Amino acid sequence: LYSNMKPKQAADIIGTINEDLAVEVLAKMKKKNAAEIMNLLPSEKARVLSEKYTGYRRARGMDPAG
């Protein structure tokens, strides 16, 4: 759903939803789409989501580098 939105529109929504849900949504997107959205978020929100994303990936046994 969010992948089909314009990045600015998706960032506006992702910036307001529950952070855990936002991480799940971003994790399921193609990296390019997620990166475009993250670039449009306020820096503090992007930092928080990035930190939570790292924990999300580790908890699920995914490679944090990729």
N, C-alpha and C. Protein backbone atom coordinates (compact mmCIF):
# COMPACT_ATOMS: atom_id res chain seq x y z
N LEU A 1 0.83 -1.19 0.00
CA LEU A 1 0.00 0.00 0.00
C LEU A 1 0.88 1.26 0.00
N TYR A 2 1.79 1.36 0.98
CA TYR A 2 2.64 2.55 1.08
C TYR A 2 3.62 2.64 -0.08
N SER A 3 4.03 1.50 -0.60
CA SER A 3 4.97 1.51 -1.73
C SER A 3 4.36 2.13 -2.97
N ASN A 4 3.04 2.08 -3.06
CA ASN A 4 2.37 2.65 -4.23
C ASN A 4 2.07 4.13 -4.09
N MET A 5 2.32 4.68 -2.91
CA MET A 5 2.11 6.12 -2.69
C MET A 5 3.34 6.89 -3.14
N LYS A 6 3.15 8.17 -3.34
CA LYS A 6 4.30 9.04 -3.55
C LYS A 6 5.09 9.07 -2.24
N PRO A 7 6.42 9.12 -2.30
CA PRO A 7 7.23 9.08 -1.07
C PRO A 7 6.83 10.13 -0.04
N LYS A 8 6.52 11.35 -0.45
CA LYS A 8 6.13 12.40 0.49
C LYS A 8 4.84 12.05 1.21
N GLN A 9 3.89 11.53 0.47
CA GLN A 9 2.60 11.14 1.05
C GLN A 9 2.80 10.00 2.05
N ALA A 10 3.61 9.00 1.70
CA ALA A 10 3.88 7.88 2.59
C ALA A 10 4.63 8.35 3.84
N ALA A 11 5.59 9.26 3.66
CA ALA A 11 6.36 9.78 4.80
C ALA A 11 5.46 10.54 5.77
N ASP A 12 4.51 11.28 5.23
CA ASP A 12 3.58 12.01 6.10
C ASP A 12 2.78 11.06 6.98
N ILE A 13 2.39 9.94 6.42
CA ILE A 13 1.61 8.97 7.20
C ILE A 13 2.52 8.18 8.15
N ILE A 14 3.61 7.67 7.64
CA ILE A 14 4.52 6.87 8.46
C ILE A 14 5.08 7.68 9.62
N GLY A 15 5.24 8.97 9.41
CA GLY A 15 5.72 9.83 10.48
C GLY A 15 4.75 9.99 11.64
N THR A 16 3.49 9.60 11.43
CA THR A 16 2.48 9.79 12.47
C THR A 16 1.97 8.49 13.09
N ILE A 17 2.23 7.35 12.46
CA ILE A 17 1.71 6.09 13.01
C ILE A 17 2.63 5.55 14.10
N ASN A 18 2.15 4.55 14.80
CA ASN A 18 2.92 3.88 15.84
C ASN A 18 4.29 3.48 15.28
N GLU A 19 5.35 3.75 16.05
CA GLU A 19 6.71 3.52 15.56
C GLU A 19 6.98 2.06 15.25
N ASP A 20 6.46 1.14 16.05
CA ASP A 20 6.67 -0.29 15.78
C ASP A 20 5.99 -0.69 14.47
N LEU A 21 4.80 -0.16 14.23
CA LEU A 21 4.11 -0.43 12.99
C LEU A 21 4.87 0.18 11.81
N ALA A 22 5.37 1.39 12.00
CA ALA A 22 6.14 2.05 10.94
C ALA A 22 7.36 1.21 10.56
N VAL A 23 8.04 0.65 11.55
CA VAL A 23 9.22 -0.19 11.28
C VAL A 23 8.80 -1.43 10.50
N GLU A 24 7.70 -2.04 10.87
CA GLU A 24 7.22 -3.23 10.15
C GLU A 24 6.89 -2.89 8.70
N VAL A 25 6.24 -1.75 8.50
CA VAL A 25 5.88 -1.33 7.14
C VAL A 25 7.15 -1.09 6.32
N LEU A 26 8.10 -0.34 6.87
CA LEU A 26 9.33 -0.04 6.14
C LEU A 26 10.13 -1.30 5.86
N ALA A 27 10.14 -2.24 6.79
CA ALA A 27 10.91 -3.48 6.62
C ALA A 27 10.37 -4.33 5.48
N LYS A 28 9.11 -4.19 5.16
CA LYS A 28 8.51 -5.00 4.10
C LYS A 28 8.60 -4.34 2.72
N MET A 29 9.11 -3.12 2.69
CA MET A 29 9.25 -2.40 1.42
C MET A 29 10.58 -2.72 0.76
N LYS A 30 10.65 -2.42 -0.52
CA LYS A 30 11.94 -2.45 -1.20
C LYS A 30 12.82 -1.39 -0.55
N LYS A 31 14.09 -1.68 -0.46
CA LYS A 31 15.02 -0.77 0.22
C LYS A 31 15.00 0.63 -0.38
N LYS A 32 14.91 0.73 -1.70
CA LYS A 32 14.91 2.04 -2.35
C LYS A 32 13.70 2.86 -1.92
N ASN A 33 12.53 2.24 -1.89
CA ASN A 33 11.31 2.95 -1.48
C ASN A 33 11.39 3.37 -0.02
N ALA A 34 11.85 2.46 0.84
CA ALA A 34 11.97 2.78 2.26
C ALA A 34 12.97 3.92 2.47
N ALA A 35 14.06 3.91 1.74
CA ALA A 35 15.08 4.96 1.87
C ALA A 35 14.52 6.32 1.45
N GLU A 36 13.75 6.34 0.37
CA GLU A 36 13.15 7.61 -0.08
C GLU A 36 12.22 8.18 0.99
N ILE A 37 11.46 7.30 1.61
CA ILE A 37 10.54 7.74 2.66
C ILE A 37 11.31 8.22 3.88
N MET A 38 12.31 7.46 4.30
CA MET A 38 13.11 7.85 5.47
C MET A 38 13.77 9.20 5.25
N ASN A 39 14.21 9.48 4.03
CA ASN A 39 14.85 10.76 3.72
C ASN A 39 13.89 11.94 3.87
N LEU A 40 12.61 11.68 3.78
CA LEU A 40 11.62 12.75 3.88
C LEU A 40 11.07 12.95 5.30
N LEU A 41 11.42 12.04 6.20
CA LEU A 41 10.98 12.18 7.59
C LEU A 41 11.85 13.18 8.33
N PRO A 42 11.32 13.81 9.37
CA PRO A 42 12.18 14.66 10.21
C PRO A 42 13.33 13.82 10.75
N SER A 43 14.49 14.43 10.90
CA SER A 43 15.70 13.67 11.26
C SER A 43 15.55 12.89 12.57
N GLU A 44 14.88 13.46 13.55
CA GLU A 44 14.71 12.75 14.83
C GLU A 44 13.83 11.51 14.65
N LYS A 45 12.77 11.63 13.87
CA LYS A 45 11.88 10.49 13.62
C LYS A 45 12.63 9.41 12.84
N ALA A 46 13.40 9.81 11.85
CA ALA A 46 14.18 8.85 11.07
C ALA A 46 15.20 8.13 11.95
N ARG A 47 15.80 8.86 12.90
CA ARG A 47 16.77 8.25 13.81
C ARG A 47 16.10 7.19 14.67
N VAL A 48 14.97 7.54 15.25
CA VAL A 48 14.24 6.60 16.12
C VAL A 48 13.83 5.35 15.33
N LEU A 49 13.28 5.56 14.14
CA LEU A 49 12.85 4.41 13.34
C LEU A 49 14.04 3.56 12.90
N SER A 50 15.16 4.20 12.60
CA SER A 50 16.37 3.46 12.23
C SER A 50 16.86 2.59 13.38
N GLU A 51 16.85 3.15 14.58
CA GLU A 51 17.28 2.38 15.75
C GLU A 51 16.33 1.22 16.01
N LYS A 52 15.04 1.46 15.90
CA LYS A 52 14.07 0.38 16.10
C LYS A 52 14.19 -0.66 15.00
N TYR A 53 14.46 -0.24 13.79
CA TYR A 53 14.61 -1.15 12.66
C TYR A 53 15.79 -2.10 12.88
N THR A 54 16.87 -1.56 13.41
CA THR A 54 18.04 -2.40 13.70
C THR A 54 17.67 -3.48 14.69
N GLY A 55 16.95 -3.14 15.74
CA GLY A 55 16.49 -4.12 16.71
C GLY A 55 15.50 -5.10 16.10
N TYR A 56 14.65 -4.62 15.22
CA TYR A 56 13.67 -5.46 14.53
C TYR A 56 14.38 -6.54 13.72
N ARG A 57 15.38 -6.14 12.98
CA ARG A 57 16.11 -7.08 12.14
C ARG A 57 16.87 -8.09 12.98
N ARG A 58 17.50 -7.65 14.05
CA ARG A 58 18.24 -8.57 14.92
C ARG A 58 17.30 -9.57 15.58
N ALA A 59 16.14 -9.10 16.02
CA ALA A 59 15.18 -9.97 16.70
C ALA A 59 14.65 -11.06 15.77
N ARG A 60 14.63 -10.79 14.50
CA ARG A 60 14.11 -11.76 13.53
C ARG A 60 15.22 -12.51 12.82
N GLY A 61 16.46 -12.32 13.27
CA GLY A 61 17.58 -13.06 12.71
C GLY A 61 17.98 -12.65 11.32
N MET A 62 17.64 -11.43 10.94
CA MET A 62 18.00 -10.92 9.61
C MET A 62 19.37 -10.27 9.67
N ASP A 63 20.01 -10.18 8.53
CA ASP A 63 21.32 -9.54 8.43
C ASP A 63 21.17 -8.03 8.58
N PRO A 64 21.71 -7.43 9.65
CA PRO A 64 21.55 -5.98 9.85
C PRO A 64 22.29 -5.14 8.81
N ALA A 65 23.20 -5.74 8.05
CA ALA A 65 23.95 -4.96 7.07
C ALA A 65 23.18 -4.77 5.78
N GLY A 66 22.15 -5.53 5.57
CA GLY A 66 21.61 -5.49 4.27
C GLY A 66 20.28 -5.18 3.96
